[in-house]
Amino acid sequence: MGATFQSLAPELLIRVLELGPDDFAMRRASLLSHALVSRAWRAPSQHLLWDEIELHSRSAIERMLASPALGAFRTRVVRVSNDFKPGKPSVSTASDEPVDGYFVEIALRCLKGVSALVLEEVDGLAVSNLRLQSLEGAHRFLELRPGLQLTA
């Protein structure tokens, strides 16, 4: 009798799911679909969804903080970027404001296992508000994309 995906150990299923798309948005969409396949696929998919997250607006941080899965999985990489692009329609509400150091700090305090913080397209992020106390004891790694300006 041959093995099926349903009978795979969670560690093996995670490895299979890791072989998905390299692009962050495509990988996230793929994992969201995989989480709906069956109960056996949900936890491994969620494990990978939480492994690398992107905080692109205050509303994204609010959704993350309201998630019942918050803290259930380790988050290795946190990408911070501002979602506002020229020509992109947006609704101007308080929760759709760009991220700032204060809200990133709140998000980092709630995540466990963060070892990398990647800042993308966050010109003007006030580093003085981004104390990174939640990264104490972790492998501190801060990656800035070329040309970014951070204010003190």
C-alpha atoms as a PDB file:
ATOM      1  CA  MET A   1       0.000   0.000   0.000  1.00  0.00           C
ATOM      2  CA  GLY A   2       1.480   3.356  -1.026  1.00  0.00           C
ATOM      3  CA  ALA A   3       1.733   6.444   1.139  1.00  0.00           C
ATOM      4  CA  THR A   4      -0.595   9.387   0.548  1.00  0.00           C
ATOM      5  CA  PHE A   5      -0.127  13.047   1.374  1.00  0.00           C
ATOM      6  CA  GLN A   6      -2.639  12.591   4.193  1.00  0.00           C
ATOM      7  CA  SER A   7      -0.452   9.946   5.830  1.00  0.00           C
ATOM      8  CA  LEU A   8       2.793  11.938   5.657  1.00  0.00           C
ATOM      9  CA  ALA A   9       4.344  13.086   8.928  1.00  0.00           C
ATOM     10  CA  PRO A  10       3.839  16.858   9.439  1.00  0.00           C
ATOM     11  CA  GLU A  11       7.602  17.434   9.077  1.00  0.00           C
ATOM     12  CA  LEU A  12       7.587  15.828   5.621  1.00  0.00           C
ATOM     13  CA  LEU A  13       4.482  17.710   4.543  1.00  0.00           C
ATOM     14  CA  ILE A  14       6.144  20.979   5.636  1.00  0.00           C
ATOM     15  CA  ARG A  15       9.160  20.090   3.495  1.00  0.00           C
ATOM     16  CA  VAL A  16       6.900  19.395   0.483  1.00  0.00           C
ATOM     17  CA  LEU A  17       5.039  22.695   0.995  1.00  0.00           C
ATOM     18  CA  GLU A  18       8.357  24.580   1.251  1.00  0.00           C
ATOM     19  CA  LEU A  19       9.036  23.640  -2.365  1.00  0.00           C
ATOM     20  CA  GLY A  20       6.337  26.075  -3.510  1.00  0.00           C
ATOM     21  CA  PRO A  21       6.820  29.448  -5.251  1.00  0.00           C
ATOM     22  CA  ASP A  22       9.735  31.713  -4.273  1.00  0.00           C
ATOM     23  CA  ASP A  23       7.733  34.937  -4.658  1.00  0.00           C
ATOM     24  CA  PHE A  24       6.330  35.994  -1.255  1.00  0.00           C
ATOM     25  CA  ALA A  25       2.820  36.875  -2.492  1.00  0.00           C
ATOM     26  CA  MET A  26       2.506  33.721  -4.622  1.00  0.00           C
ATOM     27  CA  ARG A  27       3.825  31.532  -1.797  1.00  0.00           C
ATOM     28  CA  ARG A  28       1.327  33.069   0.635  1.00  0.00           C
ATOM     29  CA  ALA A  29      -1.599  32.525  -1.764  1.00  0.00           C
ATOM     30  CA  SER A  30      -0.492  28.939  -2.367  1.00  0.00           C
ATOM     31  CA  LEU A  31      -0.183  28.198   1.361  1.00  0.00           C
ATOM     32  CA  LEU A  32      -3.595  29.728   2.073  1.00  0.00           C
ATOM     33  CA  SER A  33      -5.075  27.327  -0.497  1.00  0.00           C
ATOM     34  CA  HIS A  34      -3.146  24.372   0.921  1.00  0.00           C
ATOM     35  CA  ALA A  35      -4.443  25.140   4.421  1.00  0.00           C
ATOM     36  CA  LEU A  36      -7.967  24.481   3.098  1.00  0.00           C
ATOM     37  CA  VAL A  37      -7.183  21.084   1.529  1.00  0.00           C
ATOM     38  CA  SER A  38      -7.640  19.046   4.695  1.00  0.00           C
ATOM     39  CA  ARG A  39      -7.156  19.080   8.448  1.00  0.00           C
ATOM     40  CA  ALA A  40      -3.835  17.311   7.999  1.00  0.00           C
ATOM     41  CA  TRP A  41      -2.566  20.138   5.759  1.00  0.00           C
ATOM     42  CA  ARG A  42      -3.803  23.053   7.889  1.00  0.00           C
ATOM     43  CA  ALA A  43      -1.160  23.143  10.659  1.00  0.00           C
ATOM     44  CA  PRO A  44       1.843  22.604   8.329  1.00  0.00           C
ATOM     45  CA  SER A  45       0.528  25.331   6.001  1.00  0.00           C
ATOM     46  CA  GLN A  46      -0.069  27.714   8.902  1.00  0.00           C
ATOM     47  CA  HIS A  47       3.412  26.947  10.225  1.00  0.00           C
ATOM     48  CA  LEU A  48       4.880  28.168   6.920  1.00  0.00           C
ATOM     49  CA  LEU A  49       2.487  31.127   6.664  1.00  0.00           C
ATOM     50  CA  TRP A  50       3.662  32.416  10.046  1.00  0.00           C
ATOM     51  CA  ASP A  51       7.341  31.646   9.362  1.00  0.00           C
ATOM     52  CA  GLU A  52       7.694  34.803   7.238  1.00  0.00           C
ATOM     53  CA  ILE A  53       5.197  37.625   7.509  1.00  0.00           C
ATOM     54  CA  GLU A  54       4.909  41.060   5.946  1.00  0.00           C
ATOM     55  CA  LEU A  55       3.639  44.110   7.797  1.00  0.00           C
ATOM     56  CA  HIS A  56       2.716  46.677   5.150  1.00  0.00           C
ATOM     57  CA  SER A  57       0.158  48.883   6.908  1.00  0.00           C
ATOM     58  CA  ARG A  58      -1.355  49.487  10.315  1.00  0.00           C
ATOM     59  CA  SER A  59      -4.411  47.476   9.254  1.00  0.00           C
ATOM     60  CA  ALA A  60      -2.117  44.498   8.455  1.00  0.00           C
ATOM     61  CA  ILE A  61      -0.665  44.765  11.972  1.00  0.00           C
ATOM     62  CA  GLU A  62      -4.169  44.990  13.466  1.00  0.00           C
ATOM     63  CA  ARG A  63      -5.264  41.866  11.539  1.00  0.00           C
ATOM     64  CA  MET A  64      -2.163  40.017  12.724  1.00  0.00           C
ATOM     65  CA  LEU A  65      -2.779  41.017  16.357  1.00  0.00           C
ATOM     66  CA  ALA A  66      -6.416  39.845  16.111  1.00  0.00           C
ATOM     67  CA  SER A  67      -5.482  36.443  14.669  1.00  0.00           C
ATOM     68  CA  PRO A  68      -6.331  33.448  16.867  1.00  0.00           C
ATOM     69  CA  ALA A  69      -3.118  31.783  15.590  1.00  0.00           C
ATOM     70  CA  LEU A  70      -0.903  34.603  16.911  1.00  0.00           C
ATOM     71  CA  GLY A  71       1.829  33.071  19.049  1.00  0.00           C
ATOM     72  CA  ALA A  72       0.991  29.502  18.078  1.00  0.00           C
ATOM     73  CA  PHE A  73       3.751  29.416  15.461  1.00  0.00           C
ATOM     74  CA  ARG A  74       7.303  30.723  15.295  1.00  0.00           C
ATOM     75  CA  THR A  75       7.911  33.719  13.022  1.00  0.00           C
ATOM     76  CA  ARG A  76      11.463  33.695  11.701  1.00  0.00           C
ATOM     77  CA  VAL A  77      11.349  36.685   9.305  1.00  0.00           C
ATOM     78  CA  VAL A  78       9.344  39.910   9.592  1.00  0.00           C
ATOM     79  CA  ARG A  79       9.282  42.108   6.487  1.00  0.00           C
ATOM     80  CA  VAL A  80       8.205  45.696   7.033  1.00  0.00           C
ATOM     81  CA  SER A  81       7.156  47.800   4.054  1.00  0.00           C
ATOM     82  CA  ASN A  82       4.712  50.559   3.307  1.00  0.00           C
ATOM     83  CA  ASP A  83       1.887  49.401   1.080  1.00  0.00           C
ATOM     84  CA  PHE A  84       1.273  52.793  -0.493  1.00  0.00           C
ATOM     85  CA  LYS A  85       2.445  52.852  -4.110  1.00  0.00           C
ATOM     86  CA  PRO A  86       2.000  55.750  -6.554  1.00  0.00           C
ATOM     87  CA  GLY A  87      -1.168  55.306  -8.587  1.00  0.00           C
ATOM     88  CA  LYS A  88      -2.521  52.591  -6.293  1.00  0.00           C
ATOM     89  CA  PRO A  89      -6.036  53.396  -5.052  1.00  0.00           C
ATOM     90  CA  SER A  90      -6.266  53.520  -1.286  1.00  0.00           C
ATOM     91  CA  VAL A  91      -8.880  54.373   1.281  1.00  0.00           C
ATOM     92  CA  SER A  92      -7.651  56.963   3.750  1.00  0.00           C
ATOM     93  CA  THR A  93      -8.520  55.589   7.167  1.00  0.00           C
ATOM     94  CA  ALA A  94      -6.528  55.533  10.388  1.00  0.00           C
ATOM     95  CA  SER A  95      -5.974  51.772  10.156  1.00  0.00           C
ATOM     96  CA  ASP A  96      -4.646  52.044   6.579  1.00  0.00           C
ATOM     97  CA  GLU A  97      -1.866  54.430   7.556  1.00  0.00           C
ATOM     98  CA  PRO A  98       1.707  53.414   6.779  1.00  0.00           C
ATOM     99  CA  VAL A  99       3.562  51.434   9.408  1.00  0.00           C
ATOM    100  CA  ASP A 100       5.679  53.242  11.952  1.00  0.00           C
ATOM    101  CA  GLY A 101       8.177  52.096  14.566  1.00  0.00           C
ATOM    102  CA  TYR A 102       5.635  52.100  17.399  1.00  0.00           C
ATOM    103  CA  PHE A 103       3.278  49.646  15.675  1.00  0.00           C
ATOM    104  CA  VAL A 104       6.134  47.466  14.438  1.00  0.00           C
ATOM    105  CA  GLU A 105       7.399  47.244  18.037  1.00  0.00           C
ATOM    106  CA  ILE A 106       3.929  46.154  19.227  1.00  0.00           C
ATOM    107  CA  ALA A 107       3.835  43.480  16.524  1.00  0.00           C
ATOM    108  CA  LEU A 108       7.347  42.219  17.349  1.00  0.00           C
ATOM    109  CA  ARG A 109       6.473  41.873  21.031  1.00  0.00           C
ATOM    110  CA  CYS A 110       3.666  39.466  20.124  1.00  0.00           C
ATOM    111  CA  LEU A 111       5.711  37.251  17.804  1.00  0.00           C
ATOM    112  CA  LYS A 112       8.060  34.530  18.962  1.00  0.00           C
ATOM    113  CA  GLY A 113      11.271  33.352  17.350  1.00  0.00           C
ATOM    114  CA  VAL A 114      11.960  36.434  15.208  1.00  0.00           C
ATOM    115  CA  SER A 115      15.540  36.334  13.977  1.00  0.00           C
ATOM    116  CA  ALA A 116      15.384  38.689  10.973  1.00  0.00           C
ATOM    117  CA  LEU A 117      13.787  42.061  10.407  1.00  0.00           C
ATOM    118  CA  VAL A 118      13.780  43.198   6.777  1.00  0.00           C
ATOM    119  CA  LEU A 119      12.874  46.832   6.076  1.00  0.00           C
ATOM    120  CA  GLU A 120      11.623  47.473   2.542  1.00  0.00           C
ATOM    121  CA  GLU A 121      10.285  50.782   1.245  1.00  0.00           C
ATOM    122  CA  VAL A 122       9.956  52.386   4.661  1.00  0.00           C
ATOM    123  CA  ASP A 123      11.528  55.796   4.089  1.00  0.00           C
ATOM    124  CA  GLY A 124      11.123  57.933   7.169  1.00  0.00           C
ATOM    125  CA  LEU A 125      10.604  55.082   9.650  1.00  0.00           C
ATOM    126  CA  ALA A 126      11.576  56.518  13.029  1.00  0.00           C
ATOM    127  CA  VAL A 127      14.231  54.175  14.390  1.00  0.00           C
ATOM    128  CA  SER A 128      13.967  55.839  17.806  1.00  0.00           C
ATOM    129  CA  ASN A 129      10.491  54.260  18.110  1.00  0.00           C
ATOM    130  CA  LEU A 130      11.801  50.877  16.966  1.00  0.00           C
ATOM    131  CA  ARG A 131      13.627  49.630  20.057  1.00  0.00           C
ATOM    132  CA  LEU A 132      13.498  45.947  19.063  1.00  0.00           C
ATOM    133  CA  GLN A 133      13.319  44.782  22.673  1.00  0.00           C
ATOM    134  CA  SER A 134      11.436  41.725  21.475  1.00  0.00           C
ATOM    135  CA  LEU A 135      14.543  40.607  19.579  1.00  0.00           C
ATOM    136  CA  GLU A 136      16.607  40.345  22.787  1.00  0.00           C
ATOM    137  CA  GLY A 137      18.446  37.034  22.820  1.00  0.00           C
ATOM    138  CA  ALA A 138      17.678  36.363  19.178  1.00  0.00           C
ATOM    139  CA  HIS A 139      20.134  36.509  16.336  1.00  0.00           C
ATOM    140  CA  ARG A 140      19.796  40.195  15.601  1.00  0.00           C
ATOM    141  CA  PHE A 141      19.623  40.868  11.922  1.00  0.00           C
ATOM    142  CA  LEU A 142      18.431  44.049  10.335  1.00  0.00           C
ATOM    143  CA  GLU A 143      18.433  44.253   6.556  1.00  0.00           C
ATOM    144  CA  LEU A 144      17.884  47.558   4.793  1.00  0.00           C
ATOM    145  CA  ARG A 145      17.169  47.765   1.109  1.00  0.00           C
ATOM    146  CA  PRO A 146      19.578  50.121  -0.735  1.00  0.00           C
ATOM    147  CA  GLY A 147      18.642  53.783  -0.698  1.00  0.00           C
ATOM    148  CA  LEU A 148      16.425  53.739   2.397  1.00  0.00           C
ATOM    149  CA  GLN A 149      16.622  56.647   4.816  1.00  0.00           C
ATOM    150  CA  LEU A 150      15.787  56.063   8.473  1.00  0.00           C
ATOM    151  CA  THR A 151      15.226  58.969  10.848  1.00  0.00           C
ATOM    152  CA  ALA A 152      16.417  59.120  14.442  1.00  0.00           C
END
